[in-house]
């Protein structure tokens, strides 16, 4: 073991082992990053899908709002027809109509 060639071989073996350990560590870190990126992408896709559904629902409601407001105004203006006043629920309307009928 006194020959310089043996020291060079031993040094190269140690460098190879160190390099292998470093590559192993980098590989595990890369797998972790890829796994987290996959989860983030899945969450992003789900969030975009949910957002699209909610935006469609909002558009539908915005389209129906003027019609519903018009129907409500027409119902309030009809004579002899019970319509909910602001702050009045259906139960109170039913109680009021029963009292008037008796």
Protein backbone atom coordinates (compact mmCIF):
# COMPACT_ATOMS: atom_id res chain seq x y z
CA UNK A 1 0.00 0.00 0.00
CA UNK A 2 3.03 2.21 -0.14
CA UNK A 3 2.89 2.72 -3.86
CA UNK A 4 1.40 6.05 -5.03
CA UNK A 5 -0.79 4.18 -7.51
CA UNK A 6 -2.69 2.56 -4.61
CA UNK A 7 -3.34 5.96 -3.02
CA UNK A 8 -4.67 7.27 -6.30
CA UNK A 9 -6.99 4.28 -6.65
CA UNK A 10 -8.17 4.68 -3.03
CA UNK A 11 -8.77 8.41 -3.61
CA UNK A 12 -10.76 7.71 -6.80
CA UNK A 13 -12.87 5.10 -4.96
CA UNK A 14 -13.68 7.60 -2.20
CA UNK A 15 -14.54 10.26 -4.77
CA UNK A 16 -16.81 7.77 -6.57
CA UNK A 17 -18.59 6.88 -3.32
CA UNK A 18 -19.05 10.56 -2.47
CA UNK A 19 -20.37 11.27 -5.93
CA UNK A 20 -22.81 8.38 -5.67
CA UNK A 21 -24.08 9.65 -2.31
CA UNK A 22 -24.51 13.16 -3.73
CA UNK A 23 -26.38 11.84 -6.78
CA UNK A 24 -28.65 9.76 -4.53
CA UNK A 25 -29.49 12.82 -2.43
CA UNK A 26 -30.22 14.94 -5.50
CA UNK A 27 -32.41 12.20 -6.96
CA UNK A 28 -34.54 11.99 -3.80
CA UNK A 29 -34.88 15.79 -3.72
CA UNK A 30 -35.92 15.81 -7.38
CA UNK A 31 -38.54 13.15 -6.68
CA UNK A 32 -39.90 15.23 -3.80
CA UNK A 33 -40.08 18.34 -5.98
CA UNK A 34 -41.80 16.42 -8.78
CA UNK A 35 -44.31 14.97 -6.31
CA UNK A 36 -45.10 18.39 -4.85
CA UNK A 37 -45.40 19.89 -8.33
CA UNK A 38 -47.88 17.16 -9.28
CA UNK A 39 -49.99 17.88 -6.21
CA UNK A 40 -49.85 21.63 -6.86
CA UNK A 41 -50.90 21.12 -10.48
CA UNK A 42 -53.80 18.90 -9.42
CA UNK A 43 -54.95 21.48 -6.87
CA UNK A 44 -54.59 24.25 -9.45
CA UNK A 45 -56.67 22.29 -11.97
CA UNK A 46 -59.37 21.61 -9.38
CA UNK A 47 -59.44 25.25 -8.33
CA UNK A 48 -59.77 26.39 -11.96
CA UNK A 49 -62.59 23.91 -12.55
CA UNK A 50 -64.43 25.04 -9.44
CA UNK A 51 -63.90 28.67 -10.39
CA UNK A 52 -65.30 28.10 -13.88
CA UNK A 53 -68.39 26.42 -12.42
CA UNK A 54 -68.91 29.25 -9.94
CA UNK A 55 -68.42 31.92 -12.62
CA UNK A 56 -71.02 30.21 -14.80
CA UNK A 57 -73.40 30.10 -11.87
CA UNK A 58 -72.85 33.82 -11.22
CA UNK A 59 -73.47 34.64 -14.90
CA UNK A 60 -76.70 32.61 -14.83
CA UNK A 61 -77.86 34.40 -11.71
CA UNK A 62 -76.98 37.79 -13.17
CA UNK A 63 -79.01 36.97 -16.26
CA UNK A 64 -82.02 35.90 -14.17
CA UNK A 65 -81.90 38.82 -11.72
CA UNK A 66 -83.68 41.46 -13.87
CA UNK A 67 -86.45 38.99 -14.72
CA UNK A 68 -86.89 38.04 -11.08
CA UNK A 69 -86.93 41.68 -10.02
CA UNK A 70 -89.55 42.43 -12.65
CA UNK A 71 -91.69 39.49 -11.53
CA UNK A 72 -91.40 40.60 -7.92
CA UNK A 73 -92.38 44.17 -8.76
CA UNK A 74 -95.35 42.92 -10.78
CA UNK A 75 -96.46 40.66 -7.95
CA UNK A 76 -96.28 43.51 -5.46
CA UNK A 77 -98.35 45.78 -7.71
CA UNK A 78 -101.19 43.32 -8.32
CA UNK A 79 -104.30 44.20 -6.34
CA UNK A 80 -105.64 41.49 -4.04
CA UNK A 81 -102.51 39.46 -4.41
CA UNK A 82 -100.30 38.73 -1.42
CA UNK A 83 -96.63 39.38 -2.00
CA UNK A 84 -93.81 39.45 0.47
CA UNK A 85 -92.77 42.87 1.58
CA UNK A 86 -89.11 43.45 2.32
CA UNK A 87 -88.30 41.68 5.58
CA UNK A 88 -91.48 39.60 5.52
CA UNK A 89 -91.22 35.82 5.21
CA UNK A 90 -93.73 33.36 3.81
CA UNK A 91 -95.02 32.24 7.24
CA UNK A 92 -96.02 35.76 8.19
CA UNK A 93 -97.85 36.13 4.84
CA UNK A 94 -99.76 32.90 5.49
CA UNK A 95 -100.74 34.06 8.99
CA UNK A 96 -101.90 37.44 7.65
CA UNK A 97 -103.99 35.84 4.91
CA UNK A 98 -105.64 33.46 7.38
CA UNK A 99 -106.64 36.33 9.65
CA UNK A 100 -108.18 38.22 6.74
CA UNK A 101 -110.14 35.13 5.64
CA UNK A 102 -111.67 34.59 9.11
